[in-house]
N, C-alpha and C. Protein backbone atom coordinates (compact mmCIF):
# COMPACT_ATOMS: atom_id res chain seq x y z
N MET A 1 -1.29 26.59 10.41
CA MET A 1 -2.17 25.45 10.22
C MET A 1 -1.61 24.59 9.08
N LYS A 2 -1.51 23.30 9.34
CA LYS A 2 -1.00 22.36 8.35
C LYS A 2 -1.96 22.22 7.17
N LYS A 3 -1.41 22.27 5.97
CA LYS A 3 -2.23 22.14 4.76
C LYS A 3 -2.65 20.68 4.59
N LEU A 4 -3.90 20.47 4.18
CA LEU A 4 -4.42 19.13 3.98
C LEU A 4 -4.09 18.65 2.57
N ASN A 5 -3.93 17.35 2.43
CA ASN A 5 -3.66 16.77 1.11
C ASN A 5 -4.93 16.68 0.27
N LEU A 6 -6.02 16.20 0.89
CA LEU A 6 -7.23 15.94 0.13
C LEU A 6 -8.47 16.12 1.00
N ILE A 7 -9.44 16.83 0.45
CA ILE A 7 -10.78 16.92 1.05
C ILE A 7 -11.74 16.31 0.04
N LEU A 8 -12.61 15.45 0.54
CA LEU A 8 -13.61 14.78 -0.29
C LEU A 8 -14.98 15.32 0.07
N LEU A 9 -15.71 15.77 -0.94
CA LEU A 9 -17.06 16.28 -0.77
C LEU A 9 -18.01 15.33 -1.48
N ILE A 10 -18.89 14.68 -0.70
CA ILE A 10 -19.84 13.71 -1.25
C ILE A 10 -21.24 14.30 -1.13
N ASP A 11 -21.78 14.73 -2.27
CA ASP A 11 -23.08 15.40 -2.29
C ASP A 11 -23.61 15.35 -3.71
N ASP A 12 -24.90 15.07 -3.85
CA ASP A 12 -25.50 14.98 -5.19
C ASP A 12 -26.01 16.33 -5.70
N ASN A 13 -25.92 17.38 -4.90
CA ASN A 13 -26.45 18.69 -5.29
C ASN A 13 -25.34 19.54 -5.91
N ASP A 14 -25.44 19.78 -7.22
CA ASP A 14 -24.41 20.53 -7.94
C ASP A 14 -24.23 21.95 -7.40
N ALA A 15 -25.32 22.62 -7.07
CA ALA A 15 -25.22 23.99 -6.57
C ALA A 15 -24.49 24.03 -5.23
N ASP A 16 -24.83 23.10 -4.34
CA ASP A 16 -24.13 23.02 -3.05
C ASP A 16 -22.65 22.70 -3.26
N ASN A 17 -22.37 21.79 -4.17
CA ASN A 17 -20.98 21.43 -4.45
C ASN A 17 -20.18 22.63 -4.94
N GLU A 18 -20.76 23.40 -5.83
CA GLU A 18 -20.06 24.57 -6.36
C GLU A 18 -19.82 25.60 -5.25
N TYR A 19 -20.83 25.86 -4.45
CA TYR A 19 -20.67 26.80 -3.35
C TYR A 19 -19.59 26.33 -2.37
N HIS A 20 -19.66 25.06 -1.98
CA HIS A 20 -18.68 24.54 -1.02
C HIS A 20 -17.28 24.49 -1.62
N ARG A 21 -17.18 24.24 -2.93
CA ARG A 21 -15.88 24.27 -3.59
C ARG A 21 -15.25 25.66 -3.45
N ILE A 22 -16.04 26.69 -3.68
CA ILE A 22 -15.55 28.07 -3.56
C ILE A 22 -15.09 28.36 -2.13
N VAL A 23 -15.90 27.98 -1.15
CA VAL A 23 -15.56 28.23 0.26
C VAL A 23 -14.26 27.51 0.63
N ILE A 24 -14.14 26.26 0.26
CA ILE A 24 -12.97 25.47 0.62
C ILE A 24 -11.73 25.98 -0.10
N GLN A 25 -11.83 26.28 -1.37
CA GLN A 25 -10.67 26.77 -2.11
C GLN A 25 -10.25 28.15 -1.63
N LYS A 26 -11.20 28.99 -1.25
CA LYS A 26 -10.88 30.32 -0.75
C LYS A 26 -10.03 30.24 0.52
N ALA A 27 -10.29 29.24 1.33
CA ALA A 27 -9.53 29.08 2.58
C ALA A 27 -8.09 28.66 2.32
N ASP A 28 -7.81 28.14 1.13
CA ASP A 28 -6.46 27.76 0.72
C ASP A 28 -5.77 26.86 1.75
N ILE A 29 -6.48 25.82 2.15
CA ILE A 29 -5.96 24.92 3.18
C ILE A 29 -5.77 23.49 2.67
N THR A 30 -6.14 23.24 1.40
CA THR A 30 -6.01 21.89 0.87
C THR A 30 -5.34 21.89 -0.49
N ALA A 31 -4.55 20.86 -0.73
CA ALA A 31 -3.92 20.71 -2.04
C ALA A 31 -4.94 20.29 -3.08
N THR A 32 -5.87 19.41 -2.68
CA THR A 32 -6.84 18.87 -3.62
C THR A 32 -8.22 18.78 -2.99
N LEU A 33 -9.21 19.18 -3.76
CA LEU A 33 -10.61 18.99 -3.38
C LEU A 33 -11.23 18.08 -4.43
N LYS A 34 -11.75 16.95 -3.99
CA LYS A 34 -12.41 16.01 -4.91
C LYS A 34 -13.89 16.00 -4.58
N ILE A 35 -14.71 16.22 -5.59
CA ILE A 35 -16.16 16.20 -5.42
C ILE A 35 -16.70 14.94 -6.07
N ILE A 36 -17.43 14.15 -5.29
CA ILE A 36 -18.07 12.94 -5.80
C ILE A 36 -19.58 13.13 -5.66
N PRO A 37 -20.29 13.20 -6.79
CA PRO A 37 -21.71 13.57 -6.76
C PRO A 37 -22.69 12.42 -6.52
N GLY A 38 -22.24 11.34 -5.92
CA GLY A 38 -23.15 10.24 -5.65
C GLY A 38 -22.55 9.25 -4.67
N SER A 39 -23.43 8.61 -3.91
CA SER A 39 -22.98 7.70 -2.86
C SER A 39 -22.35 6.42 -3.41
N ARG A 40 -22.85 5.92 -4.52
CA ARG A 40 -22.26 4.69 -5.08
C ARG A 40 -20.83 4.94 -5.56
N MET A 41 -20.62 6.07 -6.25
CA MET A 41 -19.27 6.42 -6.68
C MET A 41 -18.36 6.67 -5.48
N ALA A 42 -18.93 7.26 -4.43
CA ALA A 42 -18.15 7.50 -3.22
C ALA A 42 -17.73 6.18 -2.57
N PHE A 43 -18.65 5.22 -2.54
CA PHE A 43 -18.30 3.92 -1.97
C PHE A 43 -17.16 3.27 -2.75
N GLU A 44 -17.24 3.31 -4.06
CA GLU A 44 -16.16 2.73 -4.88
C GLU A 44 -14.83 3.41 -4.60
N TYR A 45 -14.86 4.74 -4.52
CA TYR A 45 -13.62 5.48 -4.25
C TYR A 45 -13.06 5.09 -2.89
N LEU A 46 -13.91 5.10 -1.85
CA LEU A 46 -13.44 4.78 -0.50
C LEU A 46 -12.96 3.34 -0.41
N HIS A 47 -13.64 2.43 -1.07
CA HIS A 47 -13.19 1.04 -1.09
C HIS A 47 -11.76 0.96 -1.62
N ASN A 48 -11.51 1.64 -2.72
CA ASN A 48 -10.16 1.65 -3.29
C ASN A 48 -9.16 2.34 -2.36
N CYS A 49 -9.58 3.39 -1.68
CA CYS A 49 -8.69 4.08 -0.73
C CYS A 49 -8.16 3.14 0.34
N PHE A 50 -9.05 2.32 0.87
CA PHE A 50 -8.69 1.48 2.00
C PHE A 50 -8.01 0.17 1.59
N THR A 51 -8.30 -0.32 0.40
CA THR A 51 -7.82 -1.66 0.05
C THR A 51 -6.68 -1.68 -0.97
N ALA A 52 -6.53 -0.63 -1.76
CA ALA A 52 -5.48 -0.64 -2.79
C ALA A 52 -4.11 -0.48 -2.16
N VAL A 53 -3.16 -1.22 -2.68
CA VAL A 53 -1.78 -1.08 -2.21
C VAL A 53 -1.25 0.29 -2.60
N ASP A 54 -1.53 0.68 -3.83
CA ASP A 54 -1.08 1.96 -4.38
C ASP A 54 -2.03 3.07 -3.93
N GLN A 55 -1.51 4.07 -3.25
CA GLN A 55 -2.35 5.18 -2.80
C GLN A 55 -2.26 6.38 -3.73
N VAL A 56 -1.54 6.28 -4.82
CA VAL A 56 -1.42 7.40 -5.74
C VAL A 56 -2.75 7.67 -6.44
N SER A 57 -3.39 6.63 -6.92
CA SER A 57 -4.66 6.79 -7.65
C SER A 57 -5.84 7.07 -6.73
N PHE A 58 -5.79 6.56 -5.51
CA PHE A 58 -6.89 6.70 -4.56
C PHE A 58 -6.37 7.11 -3.19
N PRO A 59 -5.92 8.36 -3.06
CA PRO A 59 -5.42 8.79 -1.75
C PRO A 59 -6.55 8.88 -0.74
N VAL A 60 -6.23 8.60 0.50
CA VAL A 60 -7.21 8.69 1.58
C VAL A 60 -7.42 10.16 1.90
N PRO A 61 -8.67 10.62 1.91
CA PRO A 61 -8.92 12.02 2.23
C PRO A 61 -8.65 12.32 3.71
N ASP A 62 -8.18 13.52 3.96
CA ASP A 62 -8.01 13.98 5.34
C ASP A 62 -9.37 14.29 5.95
N LEU A 63 -10.22 14.96 5.18
CA LEU A 63 -11.57 15.32 5.60
C LEU A 63 -12.57 14.88 4.55
N VAL A 64 -13.73 14.42 5.02
CA VAL A 64 -14.84 14.08 4.14
C VAL A 64 -16.06 14.84 4.63
N PHE A 65 -16.72 15.53 3.72
CA PHE A 65 -18.00 16.15 4.01
C PHE A 65 -19.05 15.33 3.29
N LEU A 66 -19.98 14.75 4.06
CA LEU A 66 -20.95 13.80 3.54
C LEU A 66 -22.37 14.29 3.74
N ASP A 67 -23.12 14.34 2.65
CA ASP A 67 -24.54 14.69 2.72
C ASP A 67 -25.33 13.47 3.19
N ILE A 68 -26.49 13.70 3.79
CA ILE A 68 -27.35 12.59 4.20
C ILE A 68 -28.28 12.19 3.06
N ASN A 69 -29.02 13.15 2.55
CA ASN A 69 -30.09 12.86 1.59
C ASN A 69 -29.55 12.81 0.17
N MET A 70 -29.33 11.59 -0.31
CA MET A 70 -28.87 11.36 -1.68
C MET A 70 -29.65 10.19 -2.25
N PRO A 71 -29.83 10.18 -3.57
CA PRO A 71 -30.52 9.03 -4.18
C PRO A 71 -29.63 7.79 -4.16
N ALA A 72 -30.21 6.68 -4.41
CA ALA A 72 -29.54 5.37 -4.45
C ALA A 72 -29.18 4.89 -3.05
N MET A 73 -28.39 5.67 -2.34
CA MET A 73 -27.94 5.28 -1.01
C MET A 73 -27.73 6.59 -0.23
N ASN A 74 -28.39 6.73 0.91
CA ASN A 74 -28.20 7.95 1.68
C ASN A 74 -26.88 7.90 2.45
N GLY A 75 -26.53 9.00 3.09
CA GLY A 75 -25.25 9.07 3.80
C GLY A 75 -25.09 8.02 4.88
N PHE A 76 -26.15 7.71 5.60
CA PHE A 76 -26.07 6.68 6.64
C PHE A 76 -25.85 5.29 6.02
N GLU A 77 -26.54 5.02 4.94
CA GLU A 77 -26.34 3.74 4.25
C GLU A 77 -24.92 3.62 3.72
N LEU A 78 -24.39 4.74 3.22
CA LEU A 78 -23.00 4.73 2.77
C LEU A 78 -22.06 4.42 3.93
N LEU A 79 -22.30 5.01 5.07
CA LEU A 79 -21.45 4.74 6.24
C LEU A 79 -21.54 3.27 6.66
N ASP A 80 -22.74 2.70 6.58
CA ASP A 80 -22.88 1.27 6.89
C ASP A 80 -22.01 0.43 5.96
N LYS A 81 -22.00 0.79 4.68
CA LYS A 81 -21.19 0.05 3.72
C LYS A 81 -19.69 0.30 3.93
N VAL A 82 -19.34 1.52 4.32
CA VAL A 82 -17.93 1.83 4.59
C VAL A 82 -17.40 0.95 5.72
N ARG A 83 -18.25 0.69 6.71
CA ARG A 83 -17.83 -0.18 7.82
C ARG A 83 -17.46 -1.58 7.33
N THR A 84 -18.05 -2.02 6.24
CA THR A 84 -17.78 -3.38 5.75
C THR A 84 -16.51 -3.48 4.90
N ILE A 85 -15.94 -2.35 4.54
CA ILE A 85 -14.74 -2.36 3.70
C ILE A 85 -13.54 -2.83 4.53
N PRO A 86 -12.82 -3.82 4.04
CA PRO A 86 -11.60 -4.23 4.75
C PRO A 86 -10.63 -3.05 4.82
N ASP A 87 -9.87 -3.00 5.89
CA ASP A 87 -8.92 -1.90 6.08
C ASP A 87 -7.55 -2.47 6.46
N PRO A 88 -6.93 -3.23 5.54
CA PRO A 88 -5.68 -3.91 5.87
C PRO A 88 -4.51 -2.97 6.16
N TYR A 89 -4.60 -1.72 5.75
CA TYR A 89 -3.51 -0.77 5.95
C TYR A 89 -3.84 0.29 7.00
N ASN A 90 -4.93 0.08 7.75
CA ASN A 90 -5.35 0.98 8.82
C ASN A 90 -5.49 2.42 8.34
N ARG A 91 -6.20 2.61 7.24
CA ARG A 91 -6.36 3.94 6.65
C ARG A 91 -7.64 4.65 7.09
N LYS A 92 -8.64 3.90 7.52
CA LYS A 92 -9.90 4.54 7.93
C LYS A 92 -9.67 5.54 9.06
N SER A 93 -8.78 5.21 9.97
CA SER A 93 -8.55 6.08 11.13
C SER A 93 -7.91 7.41 10.75
N LYS A 94 -7.35 7.50 9.57
CA LYS A 94 -6.70 8.74 9.12
C LYS A 94 -7.70 9.75 8.55
N MET A 95 -8.94 9.32 8.36
CA MET A 95 -9.95 10.12 7.69
C MET A 95 -10.97 10.63 8.71
N LYS A 96 -11.32 11.91 8.62
CA LYS A 96 -12.33 12.51 9.48
C LYS A 96 -13.57 12.81 8.64
N ILE A 97 -14.72 12.24 9.03
CA ILE A 97 -15.96 12.42 8.30
C ILE A 97 -16.87 13.38 9.06
N PHE A 98 -17.42 14.34 8.33
CA PHE A 98 -18.40 15.28 8.88
C PHE A 98 -19.66 15.20 8.04
N MET A 99 -20.79 15.04 8.70
CA MET A 99 -22.06 15.12 8.00
C MET A 99 -22.27 16.60 7.70
N LEU A 100 -22.54 16.89 6.44
CA LEU A 100 -22.83 18.25 6.00
C LEU A 100 -24.14 18.17 5.23
N THR A 101 -25.22 18.59 5.86
CA THR A 101 -26.53 18.29 5.32
C THR A 101 -27.49 19.47 5.46
N GLY A 102 -28.51 19.44 4.67
CA GLY A 102 -29.59 20.41 4.79
C GLY A 102 -30.64 19.95 5.79
N SER A 103 -30.50 18.74 6.30
CA SER A 103 -31.48 18.19 7.23
C SER A 103 -31.37 18.87 8.59
N VAL A 104 -32.50 19.35 9.06
CA VAL A 104 -32.56 19.92 10.42
C VAL A 104 -33.32 18.97 11.36
N ASN A 105 -33.51 17.75 10.90
CA ASN A 105 -34.21 16.74 11.69
C ASN A 105 -33.32 16.33 12.87
N PRO A 106 -33.77 16.54 14.10
CA PRO A 106 -32.94 16.17 15.25
C PRO A 106 -32.64 14.67 15.31
N ASP A 107 -33.49 13.85 14.71
CA ASP A 107 -33.22 12.42 14.67
C ASP A 107 -31.97 12.10 13.85
N ASP A 108 -31.70 12.87 12.80
CA ASP A 108 -30.49 12.66 12.01
C ASP A 108 -29.25 12.97 12.84
N PHE A 109 -29.28 14.05 13.59
CA PHE A 109 -28.15 14.40 14.44
C PHE A 109 -27.93 13.32 15.50
N LYS A 110 -29.03 12.89 16.11
CA LYS A 110 -28.95 11.85 17.15
C LYS A 110 -28.40 10.54 16.57
N ARG A 111 -28.91 10.17 15.40
CA ARG A 111 -28.45 8.94 14.76
C ARG A 111 -26.95 9.01 14.44
N ALA A 112 -26.52 10.15 13.92
CA ALA A 112 -25.10 10.32 13.59
C ALA A 112 -24.24 10.15 14.84
N ALA A 113 -24.65 10.76 15.93
CA ALA A 113 -23.87 10.71 17.17
C ALA A 113 -23.89 9.34 17.82
N GLU A 114 -25.05 8.70 17.83
CA GLU A 114 -25.19 7.43 18.55
C GLU A 114 -24.77 6.21 17.75
N ASP A 115 -25.08 6.21 16.45
CA ASP A 115 -24.83 5.01 15.64
C ASP A 115 -23.49 5.01 14.91
N TYR A 116 -22.84 6.19 14.79
CA TYR A 116 -21.62 6.26 13.99
C TYR A 116 -20.49 7.02 14.70
N PRO A 117 -20.32 6.86 16.01
CA PRO A 117 -19.24 7.61 16.67
C PRO A 117 -17.85 7.19 16.20
N ASP A 118 -17.75 6.00 15.63
CA ASP A 118 -16.47 5.51 15.11
C ASP A 118 -16.10 6.15 13.78
N LEU A 119 -17.08 6.73 13.09
CA LEU A 119 -16.84 7.29 11.77
C LEU A 119 -17.07 8.79 11.68
N ILE A 120 -18.09 9.29 12.35
CA ILE A 120 -18.48 10.69 12.20
C ILE A 120 -17.84 11.54 13.30
N HIS A 121 -17.15 12.60 12.88
CA HIS A 121 -16.48 13.50 13.81
C HIS A 121 -17.24 14.80 14.05
N GLY A 122 -18.34 15.00 13.31
CA GLY A 122 -19.12 16.21 13.49
C GLY A 122 -20.32 16.23 12.57
N PHE A 123 -21.23 17.14 12.85
CA PHE A 123 -22.48 17.26 12.12
C PHE A 123 -22.74 18.74 11.92
N ARG A 124 -22.83 19.17 10.68
CA ARG A 124 -23.06 20.58 10.36
C ARG A 124 -24.20 20.72 9.38
N ILE A 125 -24.95 21.80 9.54
CA ILE A 125 -26.04 22.13 8.62
C ILE A 125 -25.45 22.99 7.49
N LYS A 126 -25.88 22.69 6.25
CA LYS A 126 -25.45 23.48 5.10
C LYS A 126 -26.00 24.89 5.23
N PRO A 127 -25.33 25.84 4.68
CA PRO A 127 -24.10 25.76 3.92
C PRO A 127 -22.87 25.83 4.83
N LEU A 128 -21.79 25.30 4.33
CA LEU A 128 -20.50 25.39 5.00
C LEU A 128 -19.95 26.79 4.76
N THR A 129 -19.66 27.49 5.83
CA THR A 129 -19.06 28.82 5.69
C THR A 129 -17.55 28.70 5.87
N GLU A 130 -16.84 29.73 5.47
CA GLU A 130 -15.39 29.69 5.64
C GLU A 130 -15.01 29.61 7.12
N THR A 131 -15.75 30.32 7.96
CA THR A 131 -15.47 30.29 9.40
C THR A 131 -15.67 28.89 9.97
N ILE A 132 -16.79 28.25 9.63
CA ILE A 132 -17.05 26.89 10.12
C ILE A 132 -16.01 25.93 9.56
N PHE A 133 -15.70 26.06 8.28
CA PHE A 133 -14.71 25.19 7.67
C PHE A 133 -13.37 25.32 8.38
N LEU A 134 -12.91 26.53 8.63
CA LEU A 134 -11.61 26.72 9.30
C LEU A 134 -11.64 26.21 10.74
N GLU A 135 -12.79 26.33 11.42
CA GLU A 135 -12.92 25.76 12.78
C GLU A 135 -12.75 24.24 12.73
N ILE A 136 -13.39 23.61 11.76
CA ILE A 136 -13.29 22.15 11.61
C ILE A 136 -11.85 21.76 11.33
N VAL A 137 -11.22 22.43 10.41
CA VAL A 137 -9.84 22.11 10.06
C VAL A 137 -8.92 22.29 11.25
N GLN A 138 -9.06 23.41 11.95
CA GLN A 138 -8.19 23.69 13.10
C GLN A 138 -8.38 22.65 14.20
N LYS A 139 -9.61 22.26 14.45
CA LYS A 139 -9.89 21.32 15.54
C LYS A 139 -9.46 19.89 15.21
N HIS A 140 -9.57 19.52 13.93
CA HIS A 140 -9.36 18.11 13.58
C HIS A 140 -8.15 17.85 12.71
N ASN A 141 -7.35 18.85 12.45
CA ASN A 141 -6.16 18.67 11.63
C ASN A 141 -4.99 18.35 12.53
N THR A 142 -4.79 17.05 12.74
CA THR A 142 -3.71 16.61 13.64
C THR A 142 -2.56 16.03 12.88
């Protein structure tokens, strides 16, 4: 399995972030794991990923795990804003986004599938296990 350059975890819950960091690092499949604990900071990072000429400071993540329920801007609102970011270097297509949430609301799953098929590649309920993580990587690591 090809090693990933960067995985981005966007979640405001410190305990979930720590748990998922352990799971992802244990799998030893990524060079870098970046945790962004808020949607506004995530938007700024992604904006720079897609628009900056230099990709050293803001590399495009191979995988993004995105929570839905966050203050300021929820995961769906963040995705709406991501759609507005110019992509002059065609970098959005290189990134695979997975909703990783505690929400068991079927409307969230339906919304993810119907409203964001261009951005969301999957929907998983927390917690992320090593088995689920490796399945995602194997299926979407092209």
